[in-house]
N, C-alpha and C. Protein backbone atom coordinates (compact mmCIF):
# COMPACT_ATOMS: atom_id res chain seq x y z
N MET A 1 92.13 89.85 80.88
CA MET A 1 90.85 91.03 81.03
C MET A 1 91.53 91.37 82.29
N ARG A 2 91.85 92.88 82.36
CA ARG A 2 91.79 94.00 83.50
C ARG A 2 90.21 93.98 84.25
N THR A 3 90.45 93.19 85.78
CA THR A 3 89.02 93.25 86.10
C THR A 3 89.22 93.80 87.52
N LEU A 4 87.42 94.34 87.53
CA LEU A 4 87.55 95.02 88.63
C LEU A 4 86.68 94.26 89.97
N VAL A 5 87.72 94.34 90.95
CA VAL A 5 86.98 93.74 92.08
C VAL A 5 85.43 94.67 93.28
N ASP A 6 84.73 93.69 92.74
CA ASP A 6 83.60 94.74 93.61
C ASP A 6 83.85 93.85 94.88
N THR A 7 82.66 94.95 95.65
CA THR A 7 83.18 94.83 97.47
C THR A 7 83.30 93.10 98.20
N ASP A 8 82.25 92.71 97.53
CA ASP A 8 81.80 91.34 98.44
C ASP A 8 82.73 90.65 97.94
N ILE A 9 83.65 90.76 96.91
CA ILE A 9 85.06 89.90 96.63
C ILE A 9 86.20 90.13 97.51
N TRP A 10 86.56 91.89 97.10
CA TRP A 10 87.70 92.51 98.34
C TRP A 10 87.15 92.09 99.36
N SER A 11 86.24 91.92 99.87
CA SER A 11 86.06 91.45 101.27
C SER A 11 86.40 89.94 101.55
N GLU A 12 86.00 88.74 100.87
CA GLU A 12 86.47 87.45 100.91
C GLU A 12 87.71 87.56 100.84
N ILE A 13 88.77 88.48 99.86
CA ILE A 13 89.80 88.48 99.81
C ILE A 13 90.53 88.40 100.85
N PHE A 14 90.35 89.81 101.52
CA PHE A 14 90.47 90.13 102.98
C PHE A 14 90.29 89.76 104.23
N LYS A 15 89.21 88.51 104.17
CA LYS A 15 89.11 87.48 105.33
C LYS A 15 89.89 86.91 105.25
N GLY A 16 90.00 86.42 104.11
CA GLY A 16 91.26 85.03 103.72
C GLY A 16 91.06 83.76 103.60
N LYS A 17 89.33 83.42 103.30
CA LYS A 17 88.70 82.51 103.90
C LYS A 17 87.85 81.26 102.76
N ASN A 18 87.77 81.84 102.13
CA ASN A 18 87.23 81.38 100.49
C ASN A 18 88.05 80.98 100.03
N ALA A 19 88.48 79.65 99.77
CA ALA A 19 89.38 79.14 99.25
C ALA A 19 89.32 79.43 97.81
N THR A 20 87.86 79.34 97.03
CA THR A 20 87.58 79.13 95.13
C THR A 20 88.08 81.03 95.26
N VAL A 21 87.71 81.81 96.30
CA VAL A 21 87.89 83.23 95.87
C VAL A 21 89.63 83.57 95.59
N LEU A 22 90.11 82.98 96.67
CA LEU A 22 91.50 83.34 97.15
C LEU A 22 92.49 82.26 95.92
N ALA A 23 91.76 81.49 95.43
CA ALA A 23 92.57 80.63 93.69
C ALA A 23 92.21 81.51 92.91
N ARG A 24 91.63 82.17 92.24
CA ARG A 24 90.65 83.00 91.15
C ARG A 24 91.61 84.05 91.76
N ALA A 25 91.32 84.75 93.20
CA ALA A 25 92.04 86.38 93.05
C ALA A 25 93.84 85.69 92.80
N SER A 26 94.33 84.97 93.33
CA SER A 26 95.97 84.81 92.97
C SER A 26 96.36 84.24 91.66
N ALA A 27 95.31 83.55 90.85
CA ALA A 27 95.94 83.27 89.22
C ALA A 27 95.67 85.05 88.94
N TYR A 28 94.24 85.29 89.14
CA TYR A 28 94.39 86.59 88.91
C TYR A 28 95.88 87.58 88.95
N LEU A 29 96.21 87.96 90.19
CA LEU A 29 97.03 88.69 90.41
C LEU A 29 98.52 88.20 89.90
N SER A 30 99.06 87.21 89.87
CA SER A 30 99.99 86.82 89.44
C SER A 30 100.24 86.99 88.17
N GLN A 31 98.75 86.79 87.32
CA GLN A 31 98.65 87.56 86.25
C GLN A 31 98.89 89.20 85.41
N HIS A 32 97.82 89.81 86.29
CA HIS A 32 98.02 91.34 86.43
C HIS A 32 99.26 91.84 87.04
N GLY A 33 99.62 91.96 88.48
CA GLY A 33 100.50 92.04 89.27
C GLY A 33 99.74 93.06 90.81
N ARG A 34 98.22 93.40 89.94
CA ARG A 34 97.90 94.11 90.88
C ARG A 34 96.01 94.09 90.98
N TYR A 35 95.34 93.93 91.78
CA TYR A 35 94.30 94.32 92.08
C TYR A 35 93.49 95.65 91.05
N THR A 36 92.24 95.78 90.47
CA THR A 36 91.62 96.99 90.71
C THR A 36 90.38 97.37 91.25
N LEU A 37 89.80 98.18 92.29
CA LEU A 37 89.26 98.74 93.03
C LEU A 37 88.61 99.87 92.70
N THR A 38 87.02 100.36 92.79
CA THR A 38 86.81 101.23 92.40
C THR A 38 86.49 102.30 93.77
N ALA A 39 86.90 103.95 93.84
CA ALA A 39 86.58 104.92 94.96
C ALA A 39 85.36 104.15 95.82
N VAL A 40 84.22 103.82 95.09
CA VAL A 40 83.14 102.90 95.72
C VAL A 40 83.10 102.59 96.79
N THR A 41 83.68 101.22 96.19
CA THR A 41 84.35 99.93 96.72
C THR A 41 85.75 100.15 98.52
N VAL A 42 86.43 101.03 98.09
CA VAL A 42 86.67 102.21 99.29
C VAL A 42 86.19 102.35 100.26
N PHE A 43 85.01 103.68 100.01
CA PHE A 43 84.39 103.79 100.35
C PHE A 43 83.44 102.98 101.90
N GLU A 44 82.89 101.61 100.57
CA GLU A 44 82.00 100.58 101.02
C GLU A 44 83.02 99.41 102.58
N VAL A 45 84.21 99.07 102.15
CA VAL A 45 84.52 98.17 102.90
C VAL A 45 85.39 99.42 104.34
N ILE A 46 85.91 100.67 103.75
CA ILE A 46 86.25 101.37 105.26
C ILE A 46 84.90 101.85 105.91
N GLN A 47 83.82 102.40 105.10
CA GLN A 47 82.10 102.52 105.94
C GLN A 47 81.66 100.93 106.51
N GLY A 48 82.19 100.02 106.08
CA GLY A 48 81.67 98.53 107.07
C GLY A 48 82.78 98.28 108.08
N LEU A 49 83.51 98.76 107.79
CA LEU A 49 84.96 98.51 108.89
C LEU A 49 84.60 99.35 110.32
N GLN A 50 84.37 100.87 109.67
CA GLN A 50 83.88 101.60 109.91
C GLN A 50 83.11 101.51 111.69
N GLN A 51 81.53 100.54 110.15
CA GLN A 51 80.56 100.62 111.85
C GLN A 51 81.06 99.86 112.76
N VAL A 52 80.98 98.05 113.05
CA VAL A 52 81.65 97.55 113.22
C VAL A 52 82.96 97.75 114.63
N GLN A 53 83.91 98.93 114.29
CA GLN A 53 84.61 100.23 115.00
C GLN A 53 86.15 98.81 114.88
N ARG A 54 86.50 98.72 113.70
CA ARG A 54 88.01 97.96 113.84
C ARG A 54 88.99 98.39 113.34
N ALA A 55 89.42 99.46 113.71
CA ALA A 55 90.18 100.39 113.25
C ALA A 55 91.29 99.87 112.33
N SER A 56 91.64 98.62 113.14
CA SER A 56 93.65 98.09 113.10
C SER A 56 93.37 97.61 111.59
N ARG A 57 91.80 96.84 111.26
CA ARG A 57 91.69 96.46 109.84
C ARG A 57 91.14 97.24 109.06
N ILE A 58 90.80 98.85 109.04
CA ILE A 58 90.65 99.44 108.23
C ILE A 58 91.76 100.36 107.95
N ASP A 59 93.74 100.20 108.91
CA ASP A 59 94.63 100.47 108.83
C ASP A 59 95.23 99.78 107.75
N ALA A 60 95.05 98.38 108.33
CA ALA A 60 95.60 96.95 107.44
C ALA A 60 94.78 97.56 106.07
N PHE A 61 93.82 97.70 105.61
CA PHE A 61 93.43 97.88 104.39
C PHE A 61 93.60 99.72 103.18
N ARG A 62 93.84 99.76 103.90
CA ARG A 62 94.57 101.32 103.74
C ARG A 62 95.68 101.35 103.24
N GLU A 63 96.26 100.48 103.71
CA GLU A 63 98.34 100.09 103.75
C GLU A 63 97.55 98.85 102.38
N MET A 64 96.95 98.11 102.23
CA MET A 64 97.03 97.10 101.13
C MET A 64 96.57 98.07 99.71
N LEU A 65 95.93 99.59 99.70
CA LEU A 65 95.43 100.26 98.60
C LEU A 65 96.97 100.60 98.46
N GLU A 66 97.30 100.76 98.46
CA GLU A 66 98.75 101.32 98.07
C GLU A 66 99.32 100.41 97.04
N ASP A 67 99.17 99.68 97.20
CA ASP A 67 99.61 98.51 95.68
C ASP A 67 98.79 98.18 95.05
N VAL A 68 97.15 99.14 94.92
CA VAL A 68 95.80 98.44 94.13
C VAL A 68 95.63 99.51 93.45
N GLU A 69 95.05 99.20 91.84
CA GLU A 69 94.52 100.38 91.40
C GLU A 69 93.10 101.00 91.84
N VAL A 70 93.31 102.20 91.95
CA VAL A 70 92.22 102.46 92.40
C VAL A 70 91.31 103.69 91.12
N LEU A 71 89.46 103.00 90.35
CA LEU A 71 89.10 103.67 89.75
C LEU A 71 88.60 104.62 90.53
N GLU A 72 88.37 106.02 90.19
CA GLU A 72 87.38 107.11 89.96
C GLU A 72 85.68 107.18 89.81
N LEU A 73 84.95 107.63 90.84
CA LEU A 73 83.81 107.73 89.92
C LEU A 73 83.51 109.28 89.32
N ASP A 74 84.19 109.37 88.01
CA ASP A 74 84.17 111.06 87.59
C ASP A 74 82.97 111.45 86.87
N GLN A 75 82.66 112.02 86.00
CA GLN A 75 81.17 112.61 85.75
C GLN A 75 81.20 111.98 85.07
N GLN A 76 81.32 111.13 83.63
CA GLN A 76 80.91 110.22 82.91
C GLN A 76 80.01 109.13 83.58
N SER A 77 81.06 108.73 84.80
CA SER A 77 80.72 107.21 85.27
C SER A 77 79.57 106.84 86.05
N ALA A 78 79.46 108.93 86.68
CA ALA A 78 78.53 109.29 87.81
C ALA A 78 77.22 108.70 87.01
N ASP A 79 77.15 109.61 85.53
CA ASP A 79 75.62 109.69 84.89
C ASP A 79 75.52 108.63 84.57
N LEU A 80 75.99 107.89 83.80
CA LEU A 80 75.65 106.77 83.37
C LEU A 80 75.52 105.59 85.02
N ALA A 81 75.57 106.08 85.73
CA ALA A 81 75.45 104.84 86.67
C ALA A 81 73.72 105.90 87.39
N ALA A 82 74.00 106.70 87.60
CA ALA A 82 72.31 107.65 87.47
C ALA A 82 70.97 106.58 86.50
N VAL A 83 71.74 106.67 85.18
CA VAL A 83 71.12 105.99 83.95
C VAL A 83 70.52 104.84 84.72
N ILE A 84 71.60 103.90 84.93
CA ILE A 84 71.21 102.52 85.04
C ILE A 84 70.73 102.69 86.09
N TYR A 85 70.72 103.24 87.46
CA TYR A 85 69.95 102.64 88.82
C TYR A 85 68.62 103.41 88.49
N GLY A 86 68.48 104.61 87.45
CA GLY A 86 67.05 104.66 87.71
C GLY A 86 66.08 104.22 87.01
N GLU A 87 66.81 103.54 85.64
CA GLU A 87 65.91 102.45 84.85
C GLU A 87 65.35 100.87 85.17
N LEU A 88 66.24 100.63 86.00
CA LEU A 88 66.23 99.31 86.89
C LEU A 88 65.46 99.53 88.26
N GLU A 89 65.47 100.33 88.90
CA GLU A 89 64.27 101.19 90.02
C GLU A 89 62.95 100.91 88.82
N ARG A 90 63.20 102.04 88.20
CA ARG A 90 61.36 102.35 87.45
C ARG A 90 61.25 100.80 87.25
N THR A 91 61.60 99.82 86.67
CA THR A 91 60.71 98.80 86.09
C THR A 91 60.47 97.78 87.44
N GLY A 92 61.35 98.33 88.83
CA GLY A 92 61.01 97.31 90.06
C GLY A 92 61.74 96.43 89.94
N ARG A 93 63.41 96.70 88.94
CA ARG A 93 64.26 95.60 89.46
C ARG A 93 65.59 96.33 90.35
N GLY A 94 65.37 97.25 90.98
CA GLY A 94 66.53 98.04 91.99
C GLY A 94 68.17 97.32 91.89
N ILE A 95 69.03 97.99 91.98
CA ILE A 95 70.06 97.36 92.40
C ILE A 95 70.67 98.38 93.23
N ASP A 96 71.73 98.85 94.41
CA ASP A 96 72.40 99.15 95.29
C ASP A 96 72.95 99.93 94.44
N VAL A 97 73.19 101.25 94.76
CA VAL A 97 73.44 102.87 94.64
C VAL A 97 74.96 102.09 94.52
N GLY A 98 75.79 101.51 94.67
CA GLY A 98 77.26 101.53 94.55
C GLY A 98 77.74 100.34 93.56
N ASP A 99 76.41 99.57 93.64
CA ASP A 99 76.47 98.84 92.26
C ASP A 99 76.62 98.88 91.17
N ALA A 100 75.45 100.00 90.67
CA ALA A 100 75.58 101.25 89.83
C ALA A 100 76.66 101.32 89.27
N GLN A 101 76.96 102.37 90.28
CA GLN A 101 78.18 103.18 90.08
C GLN A 101 79.10 102.21 89.97
N ASN A 102 79.39 100.63 90.52
CA ASN A 102 80.63 99.91 89.75
C ASN A 102 80.21 99.02 88.62
N ALA A 103 79.25 99.07 87.99
CA ALA A 103 78.59 98.71 87.03
C ALA A 103 79.06 100.09 85.56
N ALA A 104 79.18 101.31 85.94
CA ALA A 104 78.80 102.08 84.64
C ALA A 104 80.66 102.38 84.93
N ILE A 105 81.54 102.59 86.37
CA ILE A 105 82.66 102.88 86.29
C ILE A 105 83.82 100.86 85.61
N ALA A 106 83.06 100.22 85.09
CA ALA A 106 83.28 98.99 85.03
C ALA A 106 83.63 99.21 83.79
N LEU A 107 81.99 99.99 82.86
CA LEU A 107 81.91 99.73 81.76
C LEU A 107 82.64 101.25 80.87
N ARG A 108 82.54 102.28 81.81
CA ARG A 108 83.57 103.28 81.17
C ARG A 108 85.22 102.65 80.67
N HIS A 109 85.52 102.05 81.58
CA HIS A 109 86.76 101.85 81.67
C HIS A 109 86.85 100.47 80.82
N ARG A 110 86.02 99.83 80.40
CA ARG A 110 85.75 98.64 79.58
C ARG A 110 86.38 97.05 80.38
N VAL A 111 86.67 96.98 81.34
CA VAL A 111 86.83 95.79 82.95
C VAL A 111 85.63 95.90 82.60
N CYS A 112 85.80 94.13 83.49
CA CYS A 112 85.28 92.84 83.72
C CYS A 112 84.82 93.58 85.02
N VAL A 113 83.84 92.90 86.05
CA VAL A 113 83.41 92.50 86.79
C VAL A 113 83.18 91.44 87.77
N ALA A 114 84.87 91.08 89.07
CA ALA A 114 84.51 89.97 89.83
C ALA A 114 84.30 90.58 90.93
N THR A 115 82.87 88.98 91.21
CA THR A 115 81.58 89.67 91.80
C THR A 115 80.91 88.39 92.31
N GLY A 116 80.34 87.96 93.74
CA GLY A 116 79.78 87.09 93.46
C GLY A 116 78.11 87.08 93.64
N ASN A 117 77.68 88.33 93.41
CA ASN A 117 76.50 89.09 93.36
C ASN A 117 75.78 89.48 91.42
N VAL A 118 76.25 87.95 91.15
CA VAL A 118 76.16 88.23 89.44
C VAL A 118 74.29 88.64 89.37
N ARG A 119 73.65 88.43 90.36
CA ARG A 119 72.02 88.33 89.80
C ARG A 119 71.79 90.65 90.06
N HIS A 120 72.39 90.52 90.64
CA HIS A 120 72.39 91.99 90.64
C HIS A 120 73.27 93.10 89.38
N TYR A 121 74.54 92.70 89.04
CA TYR A 121 75.00 93.27 87.68
C TYR A 121 74.10 92.26 86.35
N SER A 122 73.44 91.47 86.73
CA SER A 122 73.27 90.62 84.91
C SER A 122 71.76 91.58 85.03
N ARG A 123 70.89 92.14 85.25
CA ARG A 123 70.21 93.14 85.49
C ARG A 123 70.46 94.67 84.60
N VAL A 124 72.31 94.93 85.33
CA VAL A 124 72.54 95.72 83.91
C VAL A 124 73.06 95.56 82.51
N GLN A 125 72.99 94.26 82.38
CA GLN A 125 73.34 93.25 81.42
C GLN A 125 71.93 93.38 80.01
N GLU A 126 70.72 92.99 81.56
CA GLU A 126 69.86 92.83 80.94
C GLU A 126 69.02 94.02 79.81
N LEU A 127 70.21 95.29 80.23
CA LEU A 127 69.01 96.57 80.61
C LEU A 127 70.06 96.73 78.71
N GLY A 128 71.07 95.96 78.24
CA GLY A 128 71.48 96.42 76.96
C GLY A 128 73.38 96.74 77.40
N TYR A 129 73.83 97.11 78.33
CA TYR A 129 74.52 97.00 78.07
C TYR A 129 76.19 96.13 78.28
N PRO A 130 76.96 96.23 78.05
CA PRO A 130 77.83 95.49 77.10
C PRO A 130 79.01 94.93 78.74
N LEU A 131 78.28 94.65 79.58
CA LEU A 131 78.81 94.61 80.70
C LEU A 131 79.32 93.03 81.21
N LEU A 132 81.18 92.80 81.41
CA LEU A 132 81.38 91.89 81.75
C LEU A 132 81.28 91.08 82.49
N ILE A 133 80.50 90.19 83.78
CA ILE A 133 80.79 89.57 85.00
C ILE A 133 81.44 88.15 84.92
N GLU A 134 82.63 88.27 86.25
CA GLU A 134 82.69 86.71 86.62
C GLU A 134 82.20 86.44 87.52
N ASN A 135 82.24 85.45 88.08
CA ASN A 135 81.77 84.76 89.50
C ASN A 135 82.63 84.54 89.97
N TRP A 136 83.81 84.70 90.81
CA TRP A 136 85.20 84.36 91.86
C TRP A 136 84.57 83.91 92.88
N ARG A 137 83.33 83.12 93.23
CA ARG A 137 83.00 82.29 93.68
C ARG A 137 83.08 80.94 93.41
N GLU A 138 82.78 80.92 92.26
CA GLU A 138 82.73 79.46 91.02
C GLU A 138 84.11 78.90 90.56
N PRO A 139 84.90 78.33 91.00
CA PRO A 139 85.83 77.99 90.34
C PRO A 139 85.78 78.10 88.83
N ARG A 140 86.60 78.90 87.76
CA ARG A 140 87.17 79.08 86.98
C ARG A 140 87.04 77.59 86.23
N SER A 141 86.59 77.94 85.15
CA SER A 141 86.24 76.61 84.23
C SER A 141 87.04 76.77 82.81
């Protein structure tokens, strides 16, 4: 199944340090040929690198994007993200705006989310949404 790589996992792939994440990522890439990110993840990665003034890493990331599928935050996804975010905030179980946006994009495109942040994304499932989640920090079972 096509899988959206969340920002935390992408950062670990980019750094190349977590053997479990790298093994999962390599297996996925050999099966699917390219990674899938969201425009939200692109923003978060570049913003994070910009904060620590890593221009060369920003350039390397932008170069990598040429071989990556990037899913946009369209109107339907934005609407769904706002509903998810609002419901979770209202019930005191809030998540980051970016996580709500990524969850909505994944739901809209019917793709799984590869993340190490299972706790936040499982809250979306608890609202009744059929979000598929894989923790790439754990070995494949």
